[in-house]
PDB file of all heavy atoms in Angstrom:
ATOM      1  N   LYS A   1      -6.917  -6.113   7.724  1.00  0.00           N
ATOM      2  CA  LYS A   1      -6.138  -6.405   6.502  1.00  0.00           C
ATOM      3  C   LYS A   1      -4.661  -6.018   6.708  1.00  0.00           C
ATOM      4  O   LYS A   1      -3.754  -6.791   6.407  1.00  0.00           O
ATOM      5  CB  LYS A   1      -6.740  -5.635   5.327  1.00  0.00           C
ATOM      6  CG  LYS A   1      -5.932  -5.745   4.038  1.00  0.00           C
ATOM      7  CD  LYS A   1      -6.489  -4.805   2.959  1.00  0.00           C
ATOM      8  CE  LYS A   1      -5.474  -4.564   1.869  1.00  0.00           C
ATOM      9  NZ  LYS A   1      -5.902  -3.535   0.912  1.00  0.00           N
ATOM     10  N   HIS A   2      -4.428  -4.815   7.237  1.00  0.00           N
ATOM     11  CA  HIS A   2      -3.046  -4.340   7.355  1.00  0.00           C
ATOM     12  C   HIS A   2      -2.278  -5.021   8.475  1.00  0.00           C
ATOM     13  O   HIS A   2      -1.068  -5.245   8.343  1.00  0.00           O
ATOM     14  CB  HIS A   2      -3.016  -2.812   7.469  1.00  0.00           C
ATOM     15  CG  HIS A   2      -3.313  -2.147   6.169  1.00  0.00           C
ATOM     16  ND1 HIS A   2      -4.590  -1.859   5.762  1.00  0.00           N
ATOM     17  CD2 HIS A   2      -2.501  -1.783   5.140  1.00  0.00           C
ATOM     18  CE1 HIS A   2      -4.558  -1.335   4.555  1.00  0.00           C
ATOM     19  NE2 HIS A   2      -3.308  -1.271   4.151  1.00  0.00           N
ATOM     20  N   LYS A   3      -2.971  -5.387   9.532  1.00  0.00           N
ATOM     21  CA  LYS A   3      -2.293  -6.138  10.594  1.00  0.00           C
ATOM     22  C   LYS A   3      -1.934  -7.540  10.087  1.00  0.00           C
ATOM     23  O   LYS A   3      -0.858  -8.068  10.382  1.00  0.00           O
ATOM     24  CB  LYS A   3      -3.184  -6.233  11.842  1.00  0.00           C
ATOM     25  CG  LYS A   3      -3.292  -4.949  12.641  1.00  0.00           C
ATOM     26  CD  LYS A   3      -1.965  -4.363  13.107  1.00  0.00           C
ATOM     27  CE  LYS A   3      -1.334  -5.116  14.253  1.00  0.00           C
ATOM     28  NZ  LYS A   3      -0.058  -4.507  14.705  1.00  0.00           N
ATOM     29  N   PHE A   4      -2.828  -8.128   9.283  1.00  0.00           N
ATOM     30  CA  PHE A   4      -2.571  -9.465   8.710  1.00  0.00           C
ATOM     31  C   PHE A   4      -1.359  -9.406   7.764  1.00  0.00           C
ATOM     32  O   PHE A   4      -0.429 -10.205   7.887  1.00  0.00           O
ATOM     33  CB  PHE A   4      -3.808  -9.952   7.954  1.00  0.00           C
ATOM     34  CG  PHE A   4      -3.587 -11.240   7.200  1.00  0.00           C
ATOM     35  CD1 PHE A   4      -3.683 -12.473   7.840  1.00  0.00           C
ATOM     36  CD2 PHE A   4      -3.244 -11.220   5.851  1.00  0.00           C
ATOM     37  CE1 PHE A   4      -3.450 -13.655   7.142  1.00  0.00           C
ATOM     38  CE2 PHE A   4      -3.002 -12.403   5.150  1.00  0.00           C
ATOM     39  CZ  PHE A   4      -3.111 -13.621   5.811  1.00  0.00           C
ATOM     40  N   LEU A   5      -1.376  -8.424   6.854  1.00  0.00           N
ATOM     41  CA  LEU A   5      -0.268  -8.293   5.889  1.00  0.00           C
ATOM     42  C   LEU A   5       1.053  -8.045   6.610  1.00  0.00           C
ATOM     43  O   LEU A   5       2.097  -8.574   6.242  1.00  0.00           O
ATOM     44  CB  LEU A   5      -0.540  -7.142   4.911  1.00  0.00           C
ATOM     45  CG  LEU A   5      -1.642  -7.388   3.876  1.00  0.00           C
ATOM     46  CD1 LEU A   5      -1.949  -6.113   3.112  1.00  0.00           C
ATOM     47  CD2 LEU A   5      -1.226  -8.496   2.897  1.00  0.00           C
ATOM     48  N   HIS A   6       0.965  -7.238   7.645  1.00  0.00           N
ATOM     49  CA  HIS A   6       2.159  -6.876   8.404  1.00  0.00           C
ATOM     50  C   HIS A   6       2.722  -8.089   9.148  1.00  0.00           C
ATOM     51  O   HIS A   6       3.918  -8.364   9.129  1.00  0.00           O
ATOM     52  CB  HIS A   6       1.792  -5.759   9.389  1.00  0.00           C
ATOM     53  CG  HIS A   6       2.975  -5.139  10.052  1.00  0.00           C
ATOM     54  ND1 HIS A   6       3.827  -4.281   9.392  1.00  0.00           N
ATOM     55  CD2 HIS A   6       3.469  -5.270  11.305  1.00  0.00           C
ATOM     56  CE1 HIS A   6       4.780  -3.902  10.220  1.00  0.00           C
ATOM     57  NE2 HIS A   6       4.585  -4.496  11.383  1.00  0.00           N
ATOM     58  N   PHE A   7       1.805  -8.836   9.779  1.00  0.00           N
ATOM     59  CA  PHE A   7       2.222  -9.929  10.658  1.00  0.00           C
ATOM     60  C   PHE A   7       2.637 -11.181   9.878  1.00  0.00           C
ATOM     61  O   PHE A   7       3.662 -11.784  10.151  1.00  0.00           O
ATOM     62  CB  PHE A   7       1.072 -10.255  11.618  1.00  0.00           C
ATOM     63  CG  PHE A   7       1.493 -11.109  12.782  1.00  0.00           C
ATOM     64  CD1 PHE A   7       2.209 -10.562  13.836  1.00  0.00           C
ATOM     65  CD2 PHE A   7       1.193 -12.462  12.811  1.00  0.00           C
ATOM     66  CE1 PHE A   7       2.615 -11.350  14.905  1.00  0.00           C
ATOM     67  CE2 PHE A   7       1.596 -13.260  13.873  1.00  0.00           C
ATOM     68  CZ  PHE A   7       2.308 -12.705  14.924  1.00  0.00           C
ATOM     69  N   PHE A   8       1.815 -11.522   8.882  1.00  0.00           N
ATOM     70  CA  PHE A   8       2.060 -12.786   8.183  1.00  0.00           C
ATOM     71  C   PHE A   8       2.904 -12.628   6.914  1.00  0.00           C
ATOM     72  O   PHE A   8       3.623 -13.531   6.521  1.00  0.00           O
ATOM     73  CB  PHE A   8       0.732 -13.477   7.836  1.00  0.00           C
ATOM     74  CG  PHE A   8       0.004 -13.972   9.050  1.00  0.00           C
ATOM     75  CD1 PHE A   8      -1.105 -13.296   9.543  1.00  0.00           C
ATOM     76  CD2 PHE A   8       0.438 -15.109   9.733  1.00  0.00           C
ATOM     77  CE1 PHE A   8      -1.772 -13.736  10.671  1.00  0.00           C
ATOM     78  CE2 PHE A   8      -0.217 -15.564  10.862  1.00  0.00           C
ATOM     79  CZ  PHE A   8      -1.328 -14.875  11.335  1.00  0.00           C
ATOM     80  N   LYS A   9       2.798 -11.477   6.265  1.00  0.00           N
ATOM     81  CA  LYS A   9       3.500 -11.301   4.984  1.00  0.00           C
ATOM     82  C   LYS A   9       4.674 -10.322   5.097  1.00  0.00           C
ATOM     83  O   LYS A   9       5.363 -10.080   4.104  1.00  0.00           O
ATOM     84  CB  LYS A   9       2.522 -10.757   3.914  1.00  0.00           C
ATOM     85  CG  LYS A   9       1.231 -11.560   3.780  1.00  0.00           C
ATOM     86  CD  LYS A   9       1.396 -12.729   2.860  1.00  0.00           C
ATOM     87  CE  LYS A   9       0.049 -13.399   2.577  1.00  0.00           C
ATOM     88  NZ  LYS A   9       0.176 -14.573   1.748  1.00  0.00           N
ATOM     89  N   GLU A  10       4.804  -9.741   6.282  1.00  0.00           N
ATOM     90  CA  GLU A  10       5.843  -8.719   6.514  1.00  0.00           C
ATOM     91  C   GLU A  10       5.768  -7.599   5.481  1.00  0.00           C
ATOM     92  O   GLU A  10       6.781  -7.085   5.002  1.00  0.00           O
ATOM     93  CB  GLU A  10       7.235  -9.365   6.538  1.00  0.00           C
ATOM     94  CG  GLU A  10       7.412 -10.289   7.716  1.00  0.00           C
ATOM     95  CD  GLU A  10       8.833 -10.793   7.884  1.00  0.00           C
ATOM     96  OE1 GLU A  10       9.680 -10.445   7.057  1.00  0.00           O
ATOM     97  OE2 GLU A  10       9.067 -11.532   8.842  1.00  0.00           O
ATOM     98  N   LYS A  11       4.513  -7.252   5.139  1.00  0.00           N
ATOM     99  CA  LYS A  11       4.296  -6.168   4.169  1.00  0.00           C
ATOM    100  C   LYS A  11       3.921  -4.893   4.915  1.00  0.00           C
ATOM    101  O   LYS A  11       3.070  -4.916   5.800  1.00  0.00           O
ATOM    102  CB  LYS A  11       3.129  -6.535   3.239  1.00  0.00           C
ATOM    103  CG  LYS A  11       3.551  -7.225   1.973  1.00  0.00           C
ATOM    104  CD  LYS A  11       2.355  -7.283   1.034  1.00  0.00           C
ATOM    105  CE  LYS A  11       2.741  -7.767  -0.343  1.00  0.00           C
ATOM    106  NZ  LYS A  11       1.558  -7.899  -1.196  1.00  0.00           N
ATOM    107  N   LYS A  12       4.557  -3.819   4.538  1.00  0.00           N
ATOM    108  CA  LYS A  12       4.233  -2.537   5.179  1.00  0.00           C
ATOM    109  C   LYS A  12       3.118  -1.833   4.411  1.00  0.00           C
ATOM    110  O   LYS A  12       2.893  -2.107   3.224  1.00  0.00           O
ATOM    111  CB  LYS A  12       5.484  -1.646   5.215  1.00  0.00           C
ATOM    112  CG  LYS A  12       6.513  -2.094   6.238  1.00  0.00           C
ATOM    113  CD  LYS A  12       7.509  -0.991   6.498  1.00  0.00           C
ATOM    114  CE  LYS A  12       8.476  -1.326   7.619  1.00  0.00           C
ATOM    115  NZ  LYS A  12       7.850  -1.449   8.931  1.00  0.00           N
ATOM    116  N   TYR A  13       2.450  -0.922   5.110  1.00  0.00           N
ATOM    117  CA  TYR A  13       1.447  -0.063   4.458  1.00  0.00           C
ATOM    118  C   TYR A  13       2.149   0.793   3.402  1.00  0.00           C
ATOM    119  O   TYR A  13       3.258   1.290   3.616  1.00  0.00           O
ATOM    120  CB  TYR A  13       0.773   0.840   5.500  1.00  0.00           C
ATOM    121  CG  TYR A  13       0.003   1.983   4.880  1.00  0.00           C
ATOM    122  CD1 TYR A  13      -1.289   1.786   4.395  1.00  0.00           C
ATOM    123  CD2 TYR A  13       0.571   3.258   4.731  1.00  0.00           C
ATOM    124  CE1 TYR A  13      -1.992   2.831   3.792  1.00  0.00           C
ATOM    125  CE2 TYR A  13      -0.129   4.297   4.131  1.00  0.00           C
ATOM    126  CZ  TYR A  13      -1.410   4.077   3.662  1.00  0.00           C
ATOM    127  OH  TYR A  13      -2.102   5.103   3.061  1.00  0.00           O
ATOM    128  N   SER A  14       1.477   0.992   2.274  1.00  0.00           N
ATOM    129  CA  SER A  14       2.013   1.871   1.228  1.00  0.00           C
ATOM    130  C   SER A  14       0.959   2.901   0.823  1.00  0.00           C
ATOM    131  O   SER A  14      -0.219   2.557   0.623  1.00  0.00           O
ATOM    132  CB  SER A  14       2.395   1.048  -0.005  1.00  0.00           C
ATOM    133  OG  SER A  14       2.601   1.923  -1.103  1.00  0.00           O
ATOM    134  N   MET A  15       1.404   4.147   0.687  1.00  0.00           N
ATOM    135  CA  MET A  15       0.471   5.206   0.264  1.00  0.00           C
ATOM    136  C   MET A  15      -0.045   4.951  -1.153  1.00  0.00           C
ATOM    137  O   MET A  15      -1.078   5.501  -1.560  1.00  0.00           O
ATOM    138  CB  MET A  15       1.143   6.571   0.360  1.00  0.00           C
ATOM    139  CG  MET A  15       2.306   6.783  -0.588  1.00  0.00           C
ATOM    140  SD  MET A  15       3.184   8.299  -0.147  1.00  0.00           S
ATOM    141  CE  MET A  15       4.106   8.628  -1.649  1.00  0.00           C
ATOM    142  N   TYR A  16       0.647   4.087  -1.905  1.00  0.00           N
ATOM    143  CA  TYR A  16       0.229   3.803  -3.285  1.00  0.00           C
ATOM    144  C   TYR A  16      -0.980   2.876  -3.360  1.00  0.00           C
ATOM    145  O   TYR A  16      -1.462   2.567  -4.446  1.00  0.00           O
ATOM    146  CB  TYR A  16       1.410   3.257  -4.102  1.00  0.00           C
ATOM    147  CG  TYR A  16       2.501   4.289  -4.231  1.00  0.00           C
ATOM    148  CD1 TYR A  16       3.724   4.137  -3.584  1.00  0.00           C
ATOM    149  CD2 TYR A  16       2.296   5.464  -4.958  1.00  0.00           C
ATOM    150  CE1 TYR A  16       4.713   5.100  -3.669  1.00  0.00           C
ATOM    151  CE2 TYR A  16       3.276   6.443  -5.045  1.00  0.00           C
ATOM    152  CZ  TYR A  16       4.481   6.261  -4.398  1.00  0.00           C
ATOM    153  OH  TYR A  16       5.451   7.236  -4.479  1.00  0.00           O
ATOM    154  N   GLU A  17      -1.492   2.476  -2.198  1.00  0.00           N
ATOM    155  CA  GLU A  17      -2.788   1.778  -2.177  1.00  0.00           C
ATOM    156  C   GLU A  17      -3.891   2.697  -2.686  1.00  0.00           C
ATOM    157  O   GLU A  17      -4.923   2.239  -3.162  1.00  0.00           O
ATOM    158  CB  GLU A  17      -3.157   1.377  -0.740  1.00  0.00           C
ATOM    159  CG  GLU A  17      -2.292   0.288  -0.169  1.00  0.00           C
ATOM    160  CD  GLU A  17      -2.619   0.019   1.297  1.00  0.00           C
ATOM    161  OE1 GLU A  17      -3.712   0.413   1.751  1.00  0.00           O
ATOM    162  OE2 GLU A  17      -1.782  -0.577   1.973  1.00  0.00           O
ATOM    163  N   LEU A  18      -3.678   4.002  -2.512  1.00  0.00           N
ATOM    164  CA  LEU A  18      -4.692   4.966  -2.938  1.00  0.00           C
ATOM    165  C   LEU A  18      -4.513   5.262  -4.428  1.00  0.00           C
ATOM    166  O   LEU A  18      -3.430   5.662  -4.863  1.00  0.00           O
ATOM    167  CB  LEU A  18      -4.553   6.258  -2.123  1.00  0.00           C
ATOM    168  CG  LEU A  18      -4.963   6.123  -0.650  1.00  0.00           C
ATOM    169  CD1 LEU A  18      -4.392   7.251   0.185  1.00  0.00           C
ATOM    170  CD2 LEU A  18      -6.483   6.086  -0.516  1.00  0.00           C
ATOM    171  N   PRO A  19      -5.572   5.054  -5.234  1.00  0.00           N
ATOM    172  CA  PRO A  19      -5.452   5.217  -6.692  1.00  0.00           C
ATOM    173  C   PRO A  19      -4.892   6.576  -7.116  1.00  0.00           C
ATOM    174  O   PRO A  19      -4.065   6.653  -8.026  1.00  0.00           O
ATOM    175  CB  PRO A  19      -6.894   5.031  -7.194  1.00  0.00           C
ATOM    176  CG  PRO A  19      -7.558   4.201  -6.129  1.00  0.00           C
ATOM    177  CD  PRO A  19      -6.914   4.590  -4.839  1.00  0.00           C
ATOM    178  N   ALA A  20      -5.321   7.658  -6.452  1.00  0.00           N
ATOM    179  CA  ALA A  20      -4.862   8.998  -6.866  1.00  0.00           C
ATOM    180  C   ALA A  20      -3.361   9.161  -6.660  1.00  0.00           C
ATOM    181  O   ALA A  20      -2.688   9.842  -7.451  1.00  0.00           O
ATOM    182  CB  ALA A  20      -5.618  10.074  -6.082  1.00  0.00           C
ATOM    183  N   VAL A  21      -2.822   8.539  -5.610  1.00  0.00           N
ATOM    184  CA  VAL A  21      -1.384   8.640  -5.328  1.00  0.00           C
ATOM    185  C   VAL A  21      -0.605   7.909  -6.434  1.00  0.00           C
ATOM    186  O   VAL A  21       0.413   8.402  -6.926  1.00  0.00           O
ATOM    187  CB  VAL A  21      -1.051   8.067  -3.929  1.00  0.00           C
ATOM    188  CG1 VAL A  21       0.426   8.222  -3.618  1.00  0.00           C
ATOM    189  CG2 VAL A  21      -1.887   8.762  -2.848  1.00  0.00           C
ATOM    190  N   ARG A  22      -1.133   6.740  -6.841  1.00  0.00           N
ATOM    191  CA  ARG A  22      -0.498   5.983  -7.946  1.00  0.00           C
ATOM    192  C   ARG A  22      -0.585   6.766  -9.255  1.00  0.00           C
ATOM    193  O   ARG A  22       0.379   6.880  -9.994  1.00  0.00           O
ATOM    194  CB  ARG A  22      -1.208   4.629  -8.142  1.00  0.00           C
ATOM    195  CG  ARG A  22      -0.923   3.594  -7.081  1.00  0.00           C
ATOM    196  CD  ARG A  22      -1.275   2.193  -7.578  1.00  0.00           C
ATOM    197  NE  ARG A  22      -2.643   2.042  -8.055  1.00  0.00           N
ATOM    198  CZ  ARG A  22      -3.682   1.759  -7.251  1.00  0.00           C
ATOM    199  NH1 ARG A  22      -3.501   1.632  -5.948  1.00  0.00           N
ATOM    200  NH2 ARG A  22      -4.891   1.612  -7.759  1.00  0.00           N
ATOM    201  N   ASP A  23      -1.783   7.322  -9.508  1.00  0.00           N
ATOM    202  CA  ASP A  23      -1.999   8.033 -10.779  1.00  0.00           C
ATOM    203  C   ASP A  23      -1.084   9.250 -10.897  1.00  0.00           C
ATOM    204  O   ASP A  23      -0.575   9.550 -11.980  1.00  0.00           O
ATOM    205  CB  ASP A  23      -3.469   8.469 -10.907  1.00  0.00           C
ATOM    206  CG  ASP A  23      -4.393   7.289 -11.175  1.00  0.00           C
ATOM    207  OD1 ASP A  23      -3.870   6.192 -11.485  1.00  0.00           O
ATOM    208  OD2 ASP A  23      -5.628   7.450 -11.055  1.00  0.00           O
ATOM    209  N   TYR A  24      -0.858   9.929  -9.787  1.00  0.00           N
ATOM    210  CA  TYR A  24       0.024  11.100  -9.807  1.00  0.00           C
ATOM    211  C   TYR A  24       1.476  10.656 -10.064  1.00  0.00           C
ATOM    212  O   TYR A  24       2.175  11.247 -10.885  1.00  0.00           O
ATOM    213  CB  TYR A  24      -0.084  11.874  -8.490  1.00  0.00           C
ATOM    214  CG  TYR A  24       0.771  13.121  -8.461  1.00  0.00           C
ATOM    215  CD1 TYR A  24       0.509  14.192  -9.319  1.00  0.00           C
ATOM    216  CD2 TYR A  24       1.850  13.231  -7.592  1.00  0.00           C
ATOM    217  CE1 TYR A  24       1.296  15.337  -9.306  1.00  0.00           C
ATOM    218  CE2 TYR A  24       2.642  14.374  -7.575  1.00  0.00           C
ATOM    219  CZ  TYR A  24       2.359  15.420  -8.432  1.00  0.00           C
ATOM    220  OH  TYR A  24       3.148  16.554  -8.429  1.00  0.00           O
ATOM    221  N   ARG A  25       1.876   9.593  -9.395  1.00  0.00           N
ATOM    222  CA  ARG A  25       3.235   9.054  -9.602  1.00  0.00           C
ATOM    223  C   ARG A  25       3.441   8.643 -11.059  1.00  0.00           C
ATOM    224  O   ARG A  25       4.506   8.875 -11.646  1.00  0.00           O
ATOM    225  CB  ARG A  25       3.438   7.832  -8.680  1.00  0.00           C
ATOM    226  CG  ARG A  25       4.773   7.122  -8.849  1.00  0.00           C
ATOM    227  CD  ARG A  25       4.745   5.734  -8.221  1.00  0.00           C
ATOM    228  NE  ARG A  25       3.783   4.848  -8.874  1.00  0.00           N
ATOM    229  CZ  ARG A  25       3.427   3.645  -8.408  1.00  0.00           C
ATOM    230  NH1 ARG A  25       3.944   3.188  -7.274  1.00  0.00           N
ATOM    231  NH2 ARG A  25       2.546   2.909  -9.057  1.00  0.00           N
ATOM    232  N   ASP A  26       2.387   8.043 -11.648  1.00  0.00           N
ATOM    233  CA  ASP A  26       2.500   7.503 -13.009  1.00  0.00           C
ATOM    234  C   ASP A  26       2.211   8.545 -14.095  1.00  0.00           C
ATOM    235  O   ASP A  26       2.149   8.209 -15.281  1.00  0.00           O
ATOM    236  CB  ASP A  26       1.539   6.307 -13.177  1.00  0.00           C
ATOM    237  CG  ASP A  26       1.888   5.176 -12.210  1.00  0.00           C
ATOM    238  OD1 ASP A  26       3.026   5.165 -11.703  1.00  0.00           O
ATOM    239  OD2 ASP A  26       1.010   4.327 -11.928  1.00  0.00           O
ATOM    240  N   GLY A  27       1.979   9.793 -13.694  1.00  0.00           N
ATOM    241  CA  GLY A  27       1.758  10.868 -14.661  1.00  0.00           C
ATOM    242  C   GLY A  27       0.381  10.887 -15.291  1.00  0.00           C
ATOM    243  O   GLY A  27       0.140  11.586 -16.275  1.00  0.00           O
TER     244      GLY A  27
END
């Protein structure tokens, strides 16, 4: 998945893929 996103969509990995990391950021 991440190699595909990186290669074809030029999308980098983000730690916010993990729900807890998002939830902490969002309070």
